[in-house]
Amino acid sequence: MILEMHDNTTIEDLQEKFSGFYNHLKLDFYKGPHGRFESSDEKAAFSSDHRLGEIRRIHEQGEWEIHSGMKAGDLEQTFRKKYGLNVQVLVRAGSEWIQTTNADNLSLLELNDLGKGE
């Protein structure tokens, strides 16, 4: 999967692309960082209509190829270090979405399969 990382890209653009590929996972974007195996404060989440240029500190532009073997924690760290974005991966648990705090060491494919109930 390839994400387009540009200042005019919206959070919703990234969320739709990511969830279109991993339909049992989603990305949420936050005002502050979280540590590995820690959750993010839901009250600090950005709405999906924000553009990346409005919320990030590092304005790296271009395409980013994400592989299904990438661990959730590594994905979150790359968002922070390369793009200056605070992101949390969430997995579907029935009708709810939960942050992957205890599963940062699982790959995106493994997490997506968990969301399917496999």
PDB file of N, CA and C in Angstrom:
ATOM      1  N   MET A   1       0.846  -1.163   0.000  1.00  0.00           N
ATOM      2  CA  MET A   1       0.000   0.000   0.000  1.00  0.00           C
ATOM      3  C   MET A   1       0.895   1.230   0.000  1.00  0.00           C
ATOM      4  N   ILE A   2       0.480   2.224  -0.756  1.00  0.00           N
ATOM      5  CA  ILE A   2       1.251   3.468  -0.827  1.00  0.00           C
ATOM      6  C   ILE A   2       0.391   4.621  -0.324  1.00  0.00           C
ATOM      7  N   LEU A   3       0.929   5.383   0.635  1.00  0.00           N
ATOM      8  CA  LEU A   3       0.260   6.580   1.130  1.00  0.00           C
ATOM      9  C   LEU A   3       0.927   7.810   0.529  1.00  0.00           C
ATOM     10  N   GLU A   4       0.104   8.750   0.084  1.00  0.00           N
ATOM     11  CA  GLU A   4       0.594  10.034  -0.423  1.00  0.00           C
ATOM     12  C   GLU A   4       0.705  10.986   0.756  1.00  0.00           C
ATOM     13  N   MET A   5       1.918  11.417   1.043  1.00  0.00           N
ATOM     14  CA  MET A   5       2.170  12.276   2.198  1.00  0.00           C
ATOM     15  C   MET A   5       2.506  13.687   1.715  1.00  0.00           C
ATOM     16  N   HIS A   6       1.488  14.534   1.655  1.00  0.00           N
ATOM     17  CA  HIS A   6       1.636  15.919   1.225  1.00  0.00           C
ATOM     18  C   HIS A   6       0.890  16.826   2.188  1.00  0.00           C
ATOM     19  N   ASP A   7       1.286  18.077   2.276  1.00  0.00           N
ATOM     20  CA  ASP A   7       0.650  19.004   3.208  1.00  0.00           C
ATOM     21  C   ASP A   7      -0.839  19.194   2.950  1.00  0.00           C
ATOM     22  N   ASN A   8      -1.284  19.022   1.690  1.00  0.00           N
ATOM     23  CA  ASN A   8      -2.706  19.206   1.402  1.00  0.00           C
ATOM     24  C   ASN A   8      -3.522  17.919   1.544  1.00  0.00           C
ATOM     25  N   THR A   9      -2.863  16.798   1.856  1.00  0.00           N
ATOM     26  CA  THR A   9      -3.562  15.539   2.119  1.00  0.00           C
ATOM     27  C   THR A   9      -4.313  15.672   3.436  1.00  0.00           C
ATOM     28  N   THR A  10      -5.547  15.191   3.482  1.00  0.00           N
ATOM     29  CA  THR A  10      -6.316  15.241   4.724  1.00  0.00           C
ATOM     30  C   THR A  10      -6.124  13.950   5.524  1.00  0.00           C
ATOM     31  N   ILE A  11      -6.419  14.030   6.797  1.00  0.00           N
ATOM     32  CA  ILE A  11      -6.413  12.833   7.640  1.00  0.00           C
ATOM     33  C   ILE A  11      -7.361  11.796   7.049  1.00  0.00           C
ATOM     34  N   GLU A  12      -8.517  12.256   6.610  1.00  0.00           N
ATOM     35  CA  GLU A  12      -9.501  11.340   6.031  1.00  0.00           C
ATOM     36  C   GLU A  12      -8.948  10.610   4.810  1.00  0.00           C
ATOM     37  N   ASP A  13      -8.163  11.311   3.970  1.00  0.00           N
ATOM     38  CA  ASP A  13      -7.543  10.661   2.808  1.00  0.00           C
ATOM     39  C   ASP A  13      -6.703   9.468   3.250  1.00  0.00           C
ATOM     40  N   LEU A  14      -5.869   9.680   4.277  1.00  0.00           N
ATOM     41  CA  LEU A  14      -5.004   8.609   4.771  1.00  0.00           C
ATOM     42  C   LEU A  14      -5.813   7.503   5.434  1.00  0.00           C
ATOM     43  N   GLN A  15      -6.811   7.884   6.217  1.00  0.00           N
ATOM     44  CA  GLN A  15      -7.633   6.891   6.899  1.00  0.00           C
ATOM     45  C   GLN A  15      -8.364   5.992   5.898  1.00  0.00           C
ATOM     46  N   GLU A  16      -8.922   6.594   4.857  1.00  0.00           N
ATOM     47  CA  GLU A  16      -9.658   5.810   3.862  1.00  0.00           C
ATOM     48  C   GLU A  16      -8.736   4.866   3.106  1.00  0.00           C
ATOM     49  N   LYS A  17      -7.577   5.352   2.722  1.00  0.00           N
ATOM     50  CA  LYS A  17      -6.616   4.509   2.002  1.00  0.00           C
ATOM     51  C   LYS A  17      -6.166   3.345   2.885  1.00  0.00           C
ATOM     52  N   PHE A  18      -5.801   3.637   4.129  1.00  0.00           N
ATOM     53  CA  PHE A  18      -5.320   2.611   5.054  1.00  0.00           C
ATOM     54  C   PHE A  18      -6.412   1.581   5.341  1.00  0.00           C
ATOM     55  N   SER A  19      -7.604   2.034   5.693  1.00  0.00           N
ATOM     56  CA  SER A  19      -8.694   1.120   6.035  1.00  0.00           C
ATOM     57  C   SER A  19      -9.239   0.394   4.804  1.00  0.00           C
ATOM     58  N   GLY A  20      -9.039   0.964   3.627  1.00  0.00           N
ATOM     59  CA  GLY A  20      -9.419   0.268   2.403  1.00  0.00           C
ATOM     60  C   GLY A  20      -8.529  -0.947   2.155  1.00  0.00           C
ATOM     61  N   PHE A  21      -7.303  -0.864   2.618  1.00  0.00           N
ATOM     62  CA  PHE A  21      -6.349  -1.959   2.455  1.00  0.00           C
ATOM     63  C   PHE A  21      -6.424  -2.920   3.637  1.00  0.00           C
ATOM     64  N   TYR A  22      -6.513  -2.371   4.835  1.00  0.00           N
ATOM     65  CA  TYR A  22      -6.654  -3.160   6.075  1.00  0.00           C
ATOM     66  C   TYR A  22      -8.019  -2.837   6.656  1.00  0.00           C
ATOM     67  N   ASN A  23      -9.048  -3.562   6.202  1.00  0.00           N
ATOM     68  CA  ASN A  23     -10.420  -3.167   6.528  1.00  0.00           C
ATOM     69  C   ASN A  23     -10.837  -3.434   7.974  1.00  0.00           C
ATOM     70  N   HIS A  24      -9.960  -4.034   8.776  1.00  0.00           N
ATOM     71  CA  HIS A  24     -10.251  -4.218  10.197  1.00  0.00           C
ATOM     72  C   HIS A  24      -9.324  -3.385  11.077  1.00  0.00           C
ATOM     73  N   LEU A  25      -8.623  -2.433  10.436  1.00  0.00           N
ATOM     74  CA  LEU A  25      -7.743  -1.507  11.141  1.00  0.00           C
ATOM     75  C   LEU A  25      -8.089  -0.088  10.740  1.00  0.00           C
ATOM     76  N   LYS A  26      -7.727   0.861  11.599  1.00  0.00           N
ATOM     77  CA  LYS A  26      -7.858   2.258  11.225  1.00  0.00           C
ATOM     78  C   LYS A  26      -6.769   3.064  11.927  1.00  0.00           C
ATOM     79  N   LEU A  27      -6.554   4.262  11.416  1.00  0.00           N
ATOM     80  CA  LEU A  27      -5.569   5.183  11.969  1.00  0.00           C
ATOM     81  C   LEU A  27      -6.291   6.368  12.596  1.00  0.00           C
ATOM     82  N   ASP A  28      -5.866   6.756  13.781  1.00  0.00           N
ATOM     83  CA  ASP A  28      -6.323   8.002  14.395  1.00  0.00           C
ATOM     84  C   ASP A  28      -5.099   8.873  14.627  1.00  0.00           C
ATOM     85  N   PHE A  29      -5.292  10.184  14.520  1.00  0.00           N
ATOM     86  CA  PHE A  29      -4.219  11.166  14.622  1.00  0.00           C
ATOM     87  C   PHE A  29      -4.455  12.030  15.859  1.00  0.00           C
ATOM     88  N   TYR A  30      -3.379  12.299  16.614  1.00  0.00           N
ATOM     89  CA  TYR A  30      -3.491  12.964  17.906  1.00  0.00           C
ATOM     90  C   TYR A  30      -2.569  14.177  18.010  1.00  0.00           C
ATOM     91  N   LYS A  31      -2.921  15.065  18.925  1.00  0.00           N
ATOM     92  CA  LYS A  31      -2.139  16.288  19.157  1.00  0.00           C
ATOM     93  C   LYS A  31      -0.816  16.001  19.838  1.00  0.00           C
ATOM     94  N   GLY A  32      -0.740  14.949  20.632  1.00  0.00           N
ATOM     95  CA  GLY A  32       0.483  14.624  21.355  1.00  0.00           C
ATOM     96  C   GLY A  32       0.923  13.198  21.102  1.00  0.00           C
ATOM     97  N   PRO A  33       2.188  12.909  21.401  1.00  0.00           N
ATOM     98  CA  PRO A  33       2.705  11.559  21.190  1.00  0.00           C
ATOM     99  C   PRO A  33       2.301  10.593  22.305  1.00  0.00           C
ATOM    100  N   HIS A  34       2.487   9.329  22.031  1.00  0.00           N
ATOM    101  CA  HIS A  34       2.317   8.285  23.043  1.00  0.00           C
ATOM    102  C   HIS A  34       3.538   7.371  22.947  1.00  0.00           C
ATOM    103  N   GLY A  35       3.849   6.693  24.031  1.00  0.00           N
ATOM    104  CA  GLY A  35       4.969   5.763  24.032  1.00  0.00           C
ATOM    105  C   GLY A  35       4.555   4.404  23.505  1.00  0.00           C
ATOM    106  N   ARG A  36       5.556   3.583  23.205  1.00  0.00           N
ATOM    107  CA  ARG A  36       5.290   2.225  22.757  1.00  0.00           C
ATOM    108  C   ARG A  36       4.503   1.499  23.841  1.00  0.00           C
ATOM    109  N   PHE A  37       3.469   0.792  23.434  1.00  0.00           N
ATOM    110  CA  PHE A  37       2.568   0.048  24.319  1.00  0.00           C
ATOM    111  C   PHE A  37       1.731   0.968  25.211  1.00  0.00           C
ATOM    112  N   GLU A  38       1.592   2.252  24.828  1.00  0.00           N
ATOM    113  CA  GLU A  38       0.742   3.190  25.562  1.00  0.00           C
ATOM    114  C   GLU A  38      -0.417   3.642  24.680  1.00  0.00           C
ATOM    115  N   SER A  39      -1.508   4.036  25.310  1.00  0.00           N
ATOM    116  CA  SER A  39      -2.657   4.537  24.563  1.00  0.00           C
ATOM    117  C   SER A  39      -2.553   6.051  24.384  1.00  0.00           C
ATOM    118  N   SER A  40      -3.389   6.558  23.492  1.00  0.00           N
ATOM    119  CA  SER A  40      -3.493   8.002  23.263  1.00  0.00           C
ATOM    120  C   SER A  40      -4.786   8.499  23.868  1.00  0.00           C
ATOM    121  N   ASP A  41      -4.795   9.750  24.289  1.00  0.00           N
ATOM    122  CA  ASP A  41      -5.975  10.366  24.882  1.00  0.00           C
ATOM    123  C   ASP A  41      -6.987  10.685  23.783  1.00  0.00           C
ATOM    124  N   GLU A  42      -8.147  10.047  23.852  1.00  0.00           N
ATOM    125  CA  GLU A  42      -9.188  10.242  22.830  1.00  0.00           C
ATOM    126  C   GLU A  42      -9.592  11.708  22.682  1.00  0.00           C
ATOM    127  N   LYS A  43      -9.497  12.473  23.768  1.00  0.00           N
ATOM    128  CA  LYS A  43      -9.874  13.890  23.728  1.00  0.00           C
ATOM    129  C   LYS A  43      -8.893  14.706  22.898  1.00  0.00           C
ATOM    130  N   ALA A  44      -7.710  14.157  22.647  1.00  0.00           N
ATOM    131  CA  ALA A  44      -6.675  14.873  21.896  1.00  0.00           C
ATOM    132  C   ALA A  44      -6.621  14.463  20.427  1.00  0.00           C
ATOM    133  N   ALA A  45      -7.637  13.755  19.959  1.00  0.00           N
ATOM    134  CA  ALA A  45      -7.664  13.313  18.560  1.00  0.00           C
ATOM    135  C   ALA A  45      -8.056  14.466  17.637  1.00  0.00           C
ATOM    136  N   PHE A  46      -7.412  14.501  16.471  1.00  0.00           N
ATOM    137  CA  PHE A  46      -7.772  15.474  15.440  1.00  0.00           C
ATOM    138  C   PHE A  46      -8.967  14.953  14.659  1.00  0.00           C
ATOM    139  N   SER A  47      -9.819  15.848  14.193  1.00  0.00           N
ATOM    140  CA  SER A  47     -10.916  15.450  13.308  1.00  0.00           C
ATOM    141  C   SER A  47     -10.344  15.121  11.931  1.00  0.00           C
ATOM    142  N   SER A  48     -11.071  14.332  11.179  1.00  0.00           N
ATOM    143  CA  SER A  48     -10.565  13.814   9.907  1.00  0.00           C
ATOM    144  C   SER A  48     -10.464  14.870   8.806  1.00  0.00           C
ATOM    145  N   ASP A  49     -11.019  16.057   9.016  1.00  0.00           N
ATOM    146  CA  ASP A  49     -10.957  17.077   7.964  1.00  0.00           C
ATOM    147  C   ASP A  49      -9.672  17.916   8.005  1.00  0.00           C
ATOM    148  N   HIS A  50      -8.813  17.706   8.990  1.00  0.00           N
ATOM    149  CA  HIS A  50      -7.544  18.438   9.064  1.00  0.00           C
ATOM    150  C   HIS A  50      -6.612  18.012   7.939  1.00  0.00           C
ATOM    151  N   ARG A  51      -5.885  18.971   7.406  1.00  0.00           N
ATOM    152  CA  ARG A  51      -4.843  18.689   6.412  1.00  0.00           C
ATOM    153  C   ARG A  51      -3.534  18.446   7.155  1.00  0.00           C
ATOM    154  N   LEU A  52      -2.696  17.588   6.579  1.00  0.00           N
ATOM    155  CA  LEU A  52      -1.430  17.248   7.230  1.00  0.00           C
ATOM    156  C   LEU A  52      -0.579  18.485   7.503  1.00  0.00           C
ATOM    157  N   GLY A  53      -0.580  19.430   6.577  1.00  0.00           N
ATOM    158  CA  GLY A  53       0.217  20.638   6.748  1.00  0.00           C
ATOM    159  C   GLY A  53      -0.161  21.445   7.976  1.00  0.00           C
ATOM    160  N   GLU A  54      -1.392  21.276   8.463  1.00  0.00           N
ATOM    161  CA  GLU A  54      -1.875  22.003   9.637  1.00  0.00           C
ATOM    162  C   GLU A  54      -1.424  21.361  10.949  1.00  0.00           C
ATOM    163  N   ILE A  55      -1.095  20.073  10.921  1.00  0.00           N
ATOM    164  CA  ILE A  55      -0.894  19.361  12.183  1.00  0.00           C
ATOM    165  C   ILE A  55       0.484  18.743  12.348  1.00  0.00           C
ATOM    166  N   ARG A  56       1.317  18.765  11.326  1.00  0.00           N
ATOM    167  CA  ARG A  56       2.602  18.090  11.471  1.00  0.00           C
ATOM    168  C   ARG A  56       3.763  19.055  11.603  1.00  0.00           C
ATOM    169  N   ARG A  57       4.823  18.562  12.237  1.00  0.00           N
ATOM    170  CA  ARG A  57       6.018  19.366  12.459  1.00  0.00           C
ATOM    171  C   ARG A  57       7.060  19.161  11.370  1.00  0.00           C
ATOM    172  N   ILE A  58       7.060  18.002  10.736  1.00  0.00           N
ATOM    173  CA  ILE A  58       8.033  17.680   9.692  1.00  0.00           C
ATOM    174  C   ILE A  58       7.271  17.596   8.371  1.00  0.00           C
ATOM    175  N   HIS A  59       7.655  18.398   7.417  1.00  0.00           N
ATOM    176  CA  HIS A  59       6.885  18.509   6.174  1.00  0.00           C
ATOM    177  C   HIS A  59       7.522  17.728   5.028  1.00  0.00           C
ATOM    178  N   GLU A  60       7.884  16.480   5.308  1.00  0.00           N
ATOM    179  CA  GLU A  60       8.395  15.554   4.300  1.00  0.00           C
ATOM    180  C   GLU A  60       7.263  15.253   3.320  1.00  0.00           C
ATOM    181  N   GLN A  61       7.552  15.329   2.034  1.00  0.00           N
ATOM    182  CA  GLN A  61       6.554  15.114   0.989  1.00  0.00           C
ATOM    183  C   GLN A  61       6.866  13.827   0.224  1.00  0.00           C
ATOM    184  N   GLY A  62       5.848  13.242  -0.397  1.00  0.00           N
ATOM    185  CA  GLY A  62       6.069  12.104  -1.282  1.00  0.00           C
ATOM    186  C   GLY A  62       5.242  10.891  -0.929  1.00  0.00           C
ATOM    187  N   GLU A  63       5.646   9.764  -1.518  1.00  0.00           N
ATOM    188  CA  GLU A  63       4.946   8.509  -1.310  1.00  0.00           C
ATOM    189  C   GLU A  63       5.649   7.687  -0.241  1.00  0.00           C
ATOM    190  N   TRP A  64       4.852   6.943   0.508  1.00  0.00           N
ATOM    191  CA  TRP A  64       5.383   6.050   1.541  1.00  0.00           C
ATOM    192  C   TRP A  64       4.758   4.682   1.322  1.00  0.00           C
ATOM    193  N   GLU A  65       5.595   3.705   1.059  1.00  0.00           N
ATOM    194  CA  GLU A  65       5.109   2.345   0.855  1.00  0.00           C
ATOM    195  C   GLU A  65       5.102   1.607   2.186  1.00  0.00           C
ATOM    196  N   ILE A  66       3.941   1.094   2.550  1.00  0.00           N
ATOM    197  CA  ILE A  66       3.760   0.371   3.808  1.00  0.00           C
ATOM    198  C   ILE A  66       3.504  -1.093   3.479  1.00  0.00           C
ATOM    199  N   HIS A  67       4.254  -1.975   4.112  1.00  0.00           N
ATOM    200  CA  HIS A  67       4.138  -3.413   3.877  1.00  0.00           C
ATOM    201  C   HIS A  67       3.336  -4.066   4.999  1.00  0.00           C
ATOM    202  N   SER A  68       2.629  -5.136   4.663  1.00  0.00           N
ATOM    203  CA  SER A  68       1.776  -5.810   5.640  1.00  0.00           C
ATOM    204  C   SER A  68       2.570  -6.451   6.774  1.00  0.00           C
ATOM    205  N   GLY A  69       3.871  -6.677   6.586  1.00  0.00           N
ATOM    206  CA  GLY A  69       4.698  -7.244   7.641  1.00  0.00           C
ATOM    207  C   GLY A  69       5.195  -6.223   8.646  1.00  0.00           C
ATOM    208  N   MET A  70       4.944  -4.933   8.367  1.00  0.00           N
ATOM    209  CA  MET A  70       5.390  -3.874   9.286  1.00  0.00           C
ATOM    210  C   MET A  70       4.630  -3.978  10.601  1.00  0.00           C
ATOM    211  N   LYS A  71       5.346  -3.839  11.691  1.00  0.00           N
ATOM    212  CA  LYS A  71       4.717  -3.888  13.009  1.00  0.00           C
ATOM    213  C   LYS A  71       3.982  -2.575  13.289  1.00  0.00           C
ATOM    214  N   ALA A  72       2.880  -2.671  14.011  1.00  0.00           N
ATOM    215  CA  ALA A  72       2.064  -1.485  14.309  1.00  0.00           C
ATOM    216  C   ALA A  72       2.888  -0.408  15.006  1.00  0.00           C
ATOM    217  N   GLY A  73       3.698  -0.797  15.979  1.00  0.00           N
ATOM    218  CA  GLY A  73       4.527   0.168  16.698  1.00  0.00           C
ATOM    219  C   GLY A  73       5.528   0.852  15.786  1.00  0.00           C
ATOM    220  N   ASP A  74       6.079   0.111  14.829  1.00  0.00           N
ATOM    221  CA  ASP A  74       7.033   0.700  13.883  1.00  0.00           C
ATOM    222  C   ASP A  74       6.332   1.690  12.951  1.00  0.00           C
ATOM    223  N   LEU A  75       5.123   1.361  12.537  1.00  0.00           N
ATOM    224  CA  LEU A  75       4.344   2.276  11.702  1.00  0.00           C
ATOM    225  C   LEU A  75       4.096   3.587  12.445  1.00  0.00           C
ATOM    226  N   GLU A  76       3.677   3.477  13.699  1.00  0.00           N
ATOM    227  CA  GLU A  76       3.410   4.670  14.502  1.00  0.00           C
ATOM    228  C   GLU A  76       4.682   5.499  14.698  1.00  0.00           C
ATOM    229  N   GLN A  77       5.796   4.826  14.959  1.00  0.00           N
ATOM    230  CA  GLN A  77       7.064   5.534  15.153  1.00  0.00           C
ATOM    231  C   GLN A  77       7.526   6.228  13.876  1.00  0.00           C
ATOM    232  N   THR A  78       7.322   5.594  12.731  1.00  0.00           N
ATOM    233  CA  THR A  78       7.716   6.211  11.460  1.00  0.00           C
ATOM    234  C   THR A  78       6.873   7.440  11.187  1.00  0.00           C
ATOM    235  N   PHE A  79       5.576   7.369  11.454  1.00  0.00           N
ATOM    236  CA  PHE A  79       4.726   8.549  11.306  1.00  0.00           C
ATOM    237  C   PHE A  79       5.290   9.702  12.134  1.00  0.00           C
ATOM    238  N   ARG A  80       5.731   9.417  13.348  1.00  0.00           N
ATOM    239  CA  ARG A  80       6.230  10.459  14.244  1.00  0.00           C
ATOM    240  C   ARG A  80       7.590  10.986  13.796  1.00  0.00           C
ATOM    241  N   LYS A  81       8.519  10.067  13.544  1.00  0.00           N
ATOM    242  CA  LYS A  81       9.893  10.479  13.244  1.00  0.00           C
ATOM    243  C   LYS A  81      10.068  11.080  11.850  1.00  0.00           C
ATOM    244  N   LYS A  82       9.403  10.509  10.851  1.00  0.00           N
ATOM    245  CA  LYS A  82       9.600  10.964   9.472  1.00  0.00           C
ATOM    246  C   LYS A  82       8.661  12.106   9.079  1.00  0.00           C
ATOM    247  N   TYR A  83       7.446  12.097   9.648  1.00  0.00           N
ATOM    248  CA  TYR A  83       6.430  13.066   9.226  1.00  0.00           C
ATOM    249  C   TYR A  83       5.948  13.996  10.334  1.00  0.00           C
ATOM    250  N   GLY A  84       6.382  13.783  11.568  1.00  0.00           N
ATOM    251  CA  GLY A  84       5.966  14.644  12.664  1.00  0.00           C
ATOM    252  C   GLY A  84       4.500  14.505  13.013  1.00  0.00           C
ATOM    253  N   LEU A  85       3.957  13.296  12.838  1.00  0.00           N
ATOM    254  CA  LEU A  85       2.549  13.024  13.107  1.00  0.00           C
ATOM    255  C   LEU A  85       2.405  12.002  14.232  1.00  0.00           C
ATOM    256  N   ASN A  86       1.472  12.239  15.123  1.00  0.00           N
ATOM    257  CA  ASN A  86       1.188  11.325  16.231  1.00  0.00           C
ATOM    258  C   ASN A  86      -0.001  10.461  15.849  1.00  0.00           C
ATOM    259  N   VAL A  87       0.268   9.190  15.630  1.00  0.00           N
ATOM    260  CA  VAL A  87      -0.732   8.267  15.096  1.00  0.00           C
ATOM    261  C   VAL A  87      -0.863   7.058  16.008  1.00  0.00           C
ATOM    262  N   GLN A  88      -2.074   6.535  16.063  1.00  0.00           N
ATOM    263  CA  GLN A  88      -2.356   5.303  16.790  1.00  0.00           C
ATOM    264  C   GLN A  88      -3.100   4.369  15.842  1.00  0.00           C
ATOM    265  N   VAL A  89      -2.670   3.108  15.773  1.00  0.00           N
ATOM    266  CA  VAL A  89      -3.388   2.089  15.008  1.00  0.00           C
ATOM    267  C   VAL A  89      -4.481   1.520  15.903  1.00  0.00           C
ATOM    268  N   LEU A  90      -5.667   1.376  15.354  1.00  0.00           N
ATOM    269  CA  LEU A  90      -6.787   0.775  16.079  1.00  0.00           C
ATOM    270  C   LEU A  90      -7.246  -0.468  15.338  1.00  0.00           C
ATOM    271  N   VAL A  91      -7.747  -1.458  16.088  1.00  0.00           N
ATOM    272  CA  VAL A  91      -8.240  -2.695  15.509  1.00  0.00           C
ATOM    273  C   VAL A  91      -9.716  -2.861  15.888  1.00  0.00           C
ATOM    274  N   ARG A  92     -10.468  -3.416  14.958  1.00  0.00           N
ATOM    275  CA  ARG A  92     -11.898  -3.644  15.199  1.00  0.00           C
ATOM    276  C   ARG A  92     -12.066  -4.808  16.184  1.00  0.00           C
ATOM    277  N   ALA A  93     -12.885  -4.565  17.187  1.00  0.00           N
ATOM    278  CA  ALA A  93     -13.246  -5.601  18.162  1.00  0.00           C
ATOM    279  C   ALA A  93     -14.764  -5.617  18.211  1.00  0.00           C
ATOM    280  N   GLY A  94     -15.365  -6.460  17.386  1.00  0.00           N
ATOM    281  CA  GLY A  94     -16.820  -6.465  17.256  1.00  0.00           C
ATOM    282  C   GLY A  94     -17.268  -5.194  16.571  1.00  0.00           C
ATOM    283  N   SER A  95     -18.067  -4.394  17.272  1.00  0.00           N
ATOM    284  CA  SER A  95     -18.551  -3.129  16.698  1.00  0.00           C
ATOM    285  C   SER A  95     -17.735  -1.927  17.191  1.00  0.00           C
ATOM    286  N   GLU A  96     -16.684  -2.183  17.955  1.00  0.00           N
ATOM    287  CA  GLU A  96     -15.882  -1.092  18.519  1.00  0.00           C
ATOM    288  C   GLU A  96     -14.473  -1.111  17.956  1.00  0.00           C
ATOM    289  N   TRP A  97     -13.782   0.026  18.129  1.00  0.00           N
ATOM    290  CA  TRP A  97     -12.378   0.152  17.746  1.00  0.00           C
ATOM    291  C   TRP A  97     -11.550   0.317  19.009  1.00  0.00           C
ATOM    292  N   ILE A  98     -10.476  -0.473  19.124  1.00  0.00           N
ATOM    293  CA  ILE A  98      -9.605  -0.355  20.291  1.00  0.00           C
ATOM    294  C   ILE A  98      -8.173  -0.059  19.841  1.00  0.00           C
ATOM    295  N   GLN A  99      -7.486   0.739  20.636  1.00  0.00           N
ATOM    296  CA  GLN A  99      -6.099   1.053  20.349  1.00  0.00           C
ATOM    297  C   GLN A  99      -5.243  -0.194  20.543  1.00  0.00           C
ATOM    298  N   THR A 100      -4.208  -0.310  19.741  1.00  0.00           N
ATOM    299  CA  THR A 100      -3.379  -1.521  19.741  1.00  0.00           C
ATOM    300  C   THR A 100      -2.227  -1.431  20.734  1.00  0.00           C
ATOM    301  N   THR A 101      -2.492  -0.899  21.906  1.00  0.00           N
ATOM    302  CA  THR A 101      -1.432  -0.651  22.885  1.00  0.00           C
ATOM    303  C   THR A 101      -0.642  -1.900  23.250  1.00  0.00           C
ATOM    304  N   ASN A 102      -1.286  -3.030  23.409  1.00  0.00           N
ATOM    305  CA  ASN A 102      -0.595  -4.262  23.792  1.00  0.00           C
ATOM    306  C   ASN A 102      -0.183  -5.097  22.591  1.00  0.00           C
ATOM    307  N   ALA A 103      -0.391  -4.570  21.398  1.00  0.00           N
ATOM    308  CA  ALA A 103      -0.104  -5.339  20.186  1.00  0.00           C
ATOM    309  C   ALA A 103       0.827  -4.586  19.242  1.00  0.00           C
ATOM    310  N   ASP A 104       1.593  -3.637  19.763  1.00  0.00           N
ATOM    311  CA  ASP A 104       2.508  -2.871  18.917  1.00  0.00           C
ATOM    312  C   ASP A 104       3.546  -3.752  18.235  1.00  0.00           C
ATOM    313  N   ASN A 105       3.779  -4.949  18.786  1.00  0.00           N
ATOM    314  CA  ASN A 105       4.776  -5.839  18.205  1.00  0.00           C
ATOM    315  C   ASN A 105       4.185  -6.782  17.152  1.00  0.00           C
ATOM    316  N   LEU A 106       2.889  -6.660  16.869  1.00  0.00           N
ATOM    317  CA  LEU A 106       2.257  -7.470  15.831  1.00  0.00           C
ATOM    318  C   LEU A 106       2.286  -6.726  14.499  1.00  0.00           C
ATOM    319  N   SER A 107       2.341  -7.495  13.409  1.00  0.00           N
ATOM    320  CA  SER A 107       2.335  -6.883  12.078  1.00  0.00           C
ATOM    321  C   SER A 107       0.933  -6.382  11.740  1.00  0.00           C
ATOM    322  N   LEU A 108       0.862  -5.527  10.748  1.00  0.00           N
ATOM    323  CA  LEU A 108      -0.434  -5.020  10.295  1.00  0.00           C
ATOM    324  C   LEU A 108      -1.317  -6.162   9.806  1.00  0.00           C
ATOM    325  N   LEU A 109      -0.725  -7.127   9.120  1.00  0.00           N
ATOM    326  CA  LEU A 109      -1.483  -8.286   8.653  1.00  0.00           C
ATOM    327  C   LEU A 109      -2.029  -9.093   9.828  1.00  0.00           C
ATOM    328  N   GLU A 110      -1.198  -9.325  10.843  1.00  0.00           N
ATOM    329  CA  GLU A 110      -1.647 -10.069  12.028  1.00  0.00           C
ATOM    330  C   GLU A 110      -2.775  -9.339  12.748  1.00  0.00           C
ATOM    331  N   LEU A 111      -2.631  -8.029  12.888  1.00  0.00           N
ATOM    332  CA  LEU A 111      -3.679  -7.235  13.549  1.00  0.00           C
ATOM    333  C   LEU A 111      -4.979  -7.265  12.744  1.00  0.00           C
ATOM    334  N   ASN A 112      -4.860  -7.119  11.442  1.00  0.00           N
ATOM    335  CA  ASN A 112      -6.051  -7.152  10.593  1.00  0.00           C
ATOM    336  C   ASN A 112      -6.768  -8.496  10.722  1.00  0.00           C
ATOM    337  N   ASP A 113      -5.997  -9.586  10.770  1.00  0.00           N
ATOM    338  CA  ASP A 113      -6.581 -10.917  10.953  1.00  0.00           C
ATOM    339  C   ASP A 113      -7.271 -11.029  12.317  1.00  0.00           C
ATOM    340  N   LEU A 114      -6.682 -10.410  13.361  1.00  0.00           N
ATOM    341  CA  LEU A 114      -7.337 -10.398  14.673  1.00  0.00           C
ATOM    342  C   LEU A 114      -8.684  -9.693  14.605  1.00  0.00           C
ATOM    343  N   GLY A 115      -8.726  -8.603  13.873  1.00  0.00           N
ATOM    344  CA  GLY A 115      -9.971  -7.868  13.713  1.00  0.00           C
ATOM    345  C   GLY A 115     -11.044  -8.665  12.997  1.00  0.00           C
ATOM    346  N   LYS A 116     -10.611  -9.562  12.122  1.00  0.00           N
ATOM    347  CA  LYS A 116     -11.551 -10.429  11.401  1.00  0.00           C
ATOM    348  C   LYS A 116     -12.068 -11.529  12.289  1.00  0.00           C
ATOM    349  N   GLY A 117     -11.335 -11.801  13.377  1.00  0.00           N
ATOM    350  CA  GLY A 117     -11.707 -12.884  14.263  1.00  0.00           C
ATOM    351  C   GLY A 117     -11.055 -14.197  13.874  1.00  0.00           C
ATOM    352  N   GLU A 118      -9.978 -14.135  13.055  1.00  0.00           N
ATOM    353  CA  GLU A 118      -9.289 -15.357  12.632  1.00  0.00           C
ATOM    354  C   GLU A 118      -8.269 -15.795  13.645  1.00  0.00           C
TER     355      GLU A 118
END
